[in-house]
Protein backbone atom coordinates (compact mmCIF):
# COMPACT_ATOMS: atom_id res chain seq x y z
CA UNK A 1 0.00 0.00 0.00
CA UNK A 2 2.79 2.40 0.85
CA UNK A 3 4.50 1.63 -2.45
CA UNK A 4 1.32 2.39 -4.39
CA UNK A 5 0.76 5.63 -2.46
CA UNK A 6 4.32 6.80 -3.04
CA UNK A 7 4.05 6.04 -6.75
CA UNK A 8 0.76 7.98 -6.96
CA UNK A 9 2.33 10.98 -5.24
CA UNK A 10 5.36 10.78 -7.50
CA UNK A 11 3.16 10.80 -10.59
CA UNK A 12 1.25 13.80 -9.21
CA UNK A 13 4.47 15.74 -8.53
CA UNK A 14 5.85 14.95 -11.98
CA UNK A 15 2.58 16.08 -13.59
CA UNK A 16 2.65 19.23 -11.45
CA UNK A 17 6.21 20.07 -12.50
CA UNK A 18 5.56 19.40 -16.18
CA UNK A 19 2.41 21.52 -16.21
CA UNK A 20 4.18 24.28 -14.29
CA UNK A 21 6.98 24.26 -16.88
CA UNK A 22 4.38 24.46 -19.65
CA UNK A 23 2.92 27.58 -18.09
CA UNK A 24 -0.06 26.60 -15.95
CA UNK A 25 -0.41 28.54 -12.70
CA UNK A 26 -2.74 28.89 -9.67
CA UNK A 27 -5.63 26.50 -8.96
CA UNK A 28 -5.74 25.30 -12.58
CA UNK A 29 -2.27 23.82 -12.11
CA UNK A 30 -3.38 21.74 -9.11
CA UNK A 31 -6.65 20.66 -10.68
CA UNK A 32 -5.10 19.64 -13.98
CA UNK A 33 -2.22 17.89 -12.20
CA UNK A 34 -4.71 15.86 -10.17
CA UNK A 35 -6.66 14.84 -13.27
CA UNK A 36 -3.54 13.97 -15.28
CA UNK A 37 -2.06 11.96 -12.41
CA UNK A 38 -5.36 10.11 -11.95
CA UNK A 39 -5.44 9.05 -15.59
CA UNK A 40 -1.75 8.12 -15.71
CA UNK A 41 -2.00 6.21 -12.41
CA UNK A 42 -5.03 4.28 -13.62
CA UNK A 43 -3.06 2.80 -16.49
CA UNK A 44 0.54 2.85 -15.22
CA UNK A 45 -0.11 1.47 -11.74
CA UNK A 46 -2.44 -1.35 -12.66
CA UNK A 47 -0.06 -4.04 -11.41
CA UNK A 48 0.60 -2.56 -7.95
CA UNK A 49 -3.10 -1.75 -7.55
CA UNK A 50 -4.13 -5.33 -8.34
CA UNK A 51 -1.44 -6.68 -6.03
CA UNK A 52 -2.70 -4.47 -3.20
CA UNK A 53 -6.30 -5.53 -3.86
CA UNK A 54 -5.21 -9.17 -3.77
CA UNK A 55 -3.49 -8.64 -0.40
CA UNK A 56 -6.61 -6.99 1.01
CA UNK A 57 -8.81 -9.83 -0.28
CA UNK A 58 -6.50 -12.40 1.29
CA UNK A 59 -6.66 -10.64 4.68
CA UNK A 60 -10.45 -10.40 4.49
CA UNK A 61 -10.72 -14.10 3.64
CA UNK A 62 -8.49 -15.04 6.58
CA UNK A 63 -10.56 -12.94 8.98
CA UNK A 64 -13.77 -14.47 7.68
CA UNK A 65 -12.35 -17.96 8.21
CA UNK A 66 -11.30 -17.11 11.77
CA UNK A 67 -14.71 -15.58 12.51
CA UNK A 68 -16.47 -18.69 11.17
CA UNK A 69 -14.21 -20.96 13.23
CA UNK A 70 -14.90 -18.87 16.31
CA UNK A 71 -18.66 -19.02 15.68
CA UNK A 72 -18.50 -22.80 15.21
CA UNK A 73 -16.48 -23.21 18.39
CA UNK A 74 -18.97 -21.03 20.25
CA UNK A 75 -21.87 -23.10 18.88
CA UNK A 76 -20.16 -26.31 19.98
CA UNK A 77 -19.73 -24.90 23.49
CA UNK A 78 -23.42 -24.01 23.80
CA UNK A 79 -24.53 -27.41 22.42
CA UNK A 80 -22.58 -29.30 25.09
CA UNK A 81 -24.27 -27.56 28.01
C-alpha atoms as a PDB file:
ATOM      1  CA  UNK A   1       0.000   0.000   0.000  1.00  0.00           C
ATOM      2  CA  UNK A   2       2.787   2.397   0.847  1.00  0.00           C
ATOM      3  CA  UNK A   3       4.502   1.629  -2.451  1.00  0.00           C
ATOM      4  CA  UNK A   4       1.320   2.394  -4.388  1.00  0.00           C
ATOM      5  CA  UNK A   5       0.757   5.631  -2.463  1.00  0.00           C
ATOM      6  CA  UNK A   6       4.323   6.803  -3.041  1.00  0.00           C
ATOM      7  CA  UNK A   7       4.050   6.036  -6.755  1.00  0.00           C
ATOM      8  CA  UNK A   8       0.758   7.977  -6.962  1.00  0.00           C
ATOM      9  CA  UNK A   9       2.329  10.983  -5.237  1.00  0.00           C
ATOM     10  CA  UNK A  10       5.364  10.783  -7.501  1.00  0.00           C
ATOM     11  CA  UNK A  11       3.163  10.796 -10.592  1.00  0.00           C
ATOM     12  CA  UNK A  12       1.255  13.798  -9.209  1.00  0.00           C
ATOM     13  CA  UNK A  13       4.469  15.736  -8.525  1.00  0.00           C
ATOM     14  CA  UNK A  14       5.850  14.954 -11.984  1.00  0.00           C
ATOM     15  CA  UNK A  15       2.579  16.085 -13.590  1.00  0.00           C
ATOM     16  CA  UNK A  16       2.650  19.230 -11.453  1.00  0.00           C
ATOM     17  CA  UNK A  17       6.213  20.073 -12.501  1.00  0.00           C
ATOM     18  CA  UNK A  18       5.561  19.397 -16.178  1.00  0.00           C
ATOM     19  CA  UNK A  19       2.412  21.524 -16.214  1.00  0.00           C
ATOM     20  CA  UNK A  20       4.182  24.283 -14.292  1.00  0.00           C
ATOM     21  CA  UNK A  21       6.976  24.260 -16.876  1.00  0.00           C
ATOM     22  CA  UNK A  22       4.381  24.463 -19.655  1.00  0.00           C
ATOM     23  CA  UNK A  23       2.916  27.580 -18.091  1.00  0.00           C
ATOM     24  CA  UNK A  24      -0.058  26.599 -15.946  1.00  0.00           C
ATOM     25  CA  UNK A  25      -0.412  28.544 -12.696  1.00  0.00           C
ATOM     26  CA  UNK A  26      -2.745  28.893  -9.666  1.00  0.00           C
ATOM     27  CA  UNK A  27      -5.629  26.499  -8.962  1.00  0.00           C
ATOM     28  CA  UNK A  28      -5.740  25.297 -12.576  1.00  0.00           C
ATOM     29  CA  UNK A  29      -2.273  23.820 -12.109  1.00  0.00           C
ATOM     30  CA  UNK A  30      -3.379  21.745  -9.108  1.00  0.00           C
ATOM     31  CA  UNK A  31      -6.648  20.662 -10.681  1.00  0.00           C
ATOM     32  CA  UNK A  32      -5.105  19.643 -13.982  1.00  0.00           C
ATOM     33  CA  UNK A  33      -2.219  17.888 -12.200  1.00  0.00           C
ATOM     34  CA  UNK A  34      -4.706  15.862 -10.173  1.00  0.00           C
ATOM     35  CA  UNK A  35      -6.664  14.845 -13.272  1.00  0.00           C
ATOM     36  CA  UNK A  36      -3.544  13.972 -15.279  1.00  0.00           C
ATOM     37  CA  UNK A  37      -2.060  11.962 -12.405  1.00  0.00           C
ATOM     38  CA  UNK A  38      -5.356  10.115 -11.954  1.00  0.00           C
ATOM     39  CA  UNK A  39      -5.444   9.049 -15.594  1.00  0.00           C
ATOM     40  CA  UNK A  40      -1.753   8.120 -15.710  1.00  0.00           C
ATOM     41  CA  UNK A  41      -1.996   6.213 -12.412  1.00  0.00           C
ATOM     42  CA  UNK A  42      -5.028   4.281 -13.617  1.00  0.00           C
ATOM     43  CA  UNK A  43      -3.058   2.804 -16.494  1.00  0.00           C
ATOM     44  CA  UNK A  44       0.542   2.852 -15.218  1.00  0.00           C
ATOM     45  CA  UNK A  45      -0.108   1.468 -11.735  1.00  0.00           C
ATOM     46  CA  UNK A  46      -2.442  -1.346 -12.655  1.00  0.00           C
ATOM     47  CA  UNK A  47      -0.058  -4.039 -11.411  1.00  0.00           C
ATOM     48  CA  UNK A  48       0.605  -2.562  -7.951  1.00  0.00           C
ATOM     49  CA  UNK A  49      -3.105  -1.749  -7.546  1.00  0.00           C
ATOM     50  CA  UNK A  50      -4.131  -5.329  -8.342  1.00  0.00           C
ATOM     51  CA  UNK A  51      -1.436  -6.677  -6.031  1.00  0.00           C
ATOM     52  CA  UNK A  52      -2.700  -4.470  -3.202  1.00  0.00           C
ATOM     53  CA  UNK A  53      -6.296  -5.527  -3.859  1.00  0.00           C
ATOM     54  CA  UNK A  54      -5.209  -9.166  -3.770  1.00  0.00           C
ATOM     55  CA  UNK A  55      -3.495  -8.637  -0.403  1.00  0.00           C
ATOM     56  CA  UNK A  56      -6.613  -6.995   1.012  1.00  0.00           C
ATOM     57  CA  UNK A  57      -8.805  -9.826  -0.278  1.00  0.00           C
ATOM     58  CA  UNK A  58      -6.496 -12.403   1.289  1.00  0.00           C
ATOM     59  CA  UNK A  59      -6.656 -10.645   4.676  1.00  0.00           C
ATOM     60  CA  UNK A  60     -10.448 -10.403   4.490  1.00  0.00           C
ATOM     61  CA  UNK A  61     -10.723 -14.103   3.642  1.00  0.00           C
ATOM     62  CA  UNK A  62      -8.486 -15.036   6.581  1.00  0.00           C
ATOM     63  CA  UNK A  63     -10.556 -12.940   8.978  1.00  0.00           C
ATOM     64  CA  UNK A  64     -13.774 -14.472   7.682  1.00  0.00           C
ATOM     65  CA  UNK A  65     -12.348 -17.964   8.212  1.00  0.00           C
ATOM     66  CA  UNK A  66     -11.298 -17.107  11.774  1.00  0.00           C
ATOM     67  CA  UNK A  67     -14.709 -15.579  12.512  1.00  0.00           C
ATOM     68  CA  UNK A  68     -16.469 -18.685  11.169  1.00  0.00           C
ATOM     69  CA  UNK A  69     -14.207 -20.957  13.226  1.00  0.00           C
ATOM     70  CA  UNK A  70     -14.899 -18.867  16.313  1.00  0.00           C
ATOM     71  CA  UNK A  71     -18.655 -19.016  15.682  1.00  0.00           C
ATOM     72  CA  UNK A  72     -18.499 -22.797  15.210  1.00  0.00           C
ATOM     73  CA  UNK A  73     -16.478 -23.213  18.391  1.00  0.00           C
ATOM     74  CA  UNK A  74     -18.969 -21.029  20.247  1.00  0.00           C
ATOM     75  CA  UNK A  75     -21.874 -23.099  18.875  1.00  0.00           C
ATOM     76  CA  UNK A  76     -20.161 -26.315  19.981  1.00  0.00           C
ATOM     77  CA  UNK A  77     -19.729 -24.902  23.489  1.00  0.00           C
ATOM     78  CA  UNK A  78     -23.420 -24.015  23.799  1.00  0.00           C
ATOM     79  CA  UNK A  79     -24.527 -27.407  22.424  1.00  0.00           C
ATOM     80  CA  UNK A  80     -22.576 -29.302  25.093  1.00  0.00           C
ATOM     81  CA  UNK A  81     -24.271 -27.560  28.010  1.00  0.00           C
END
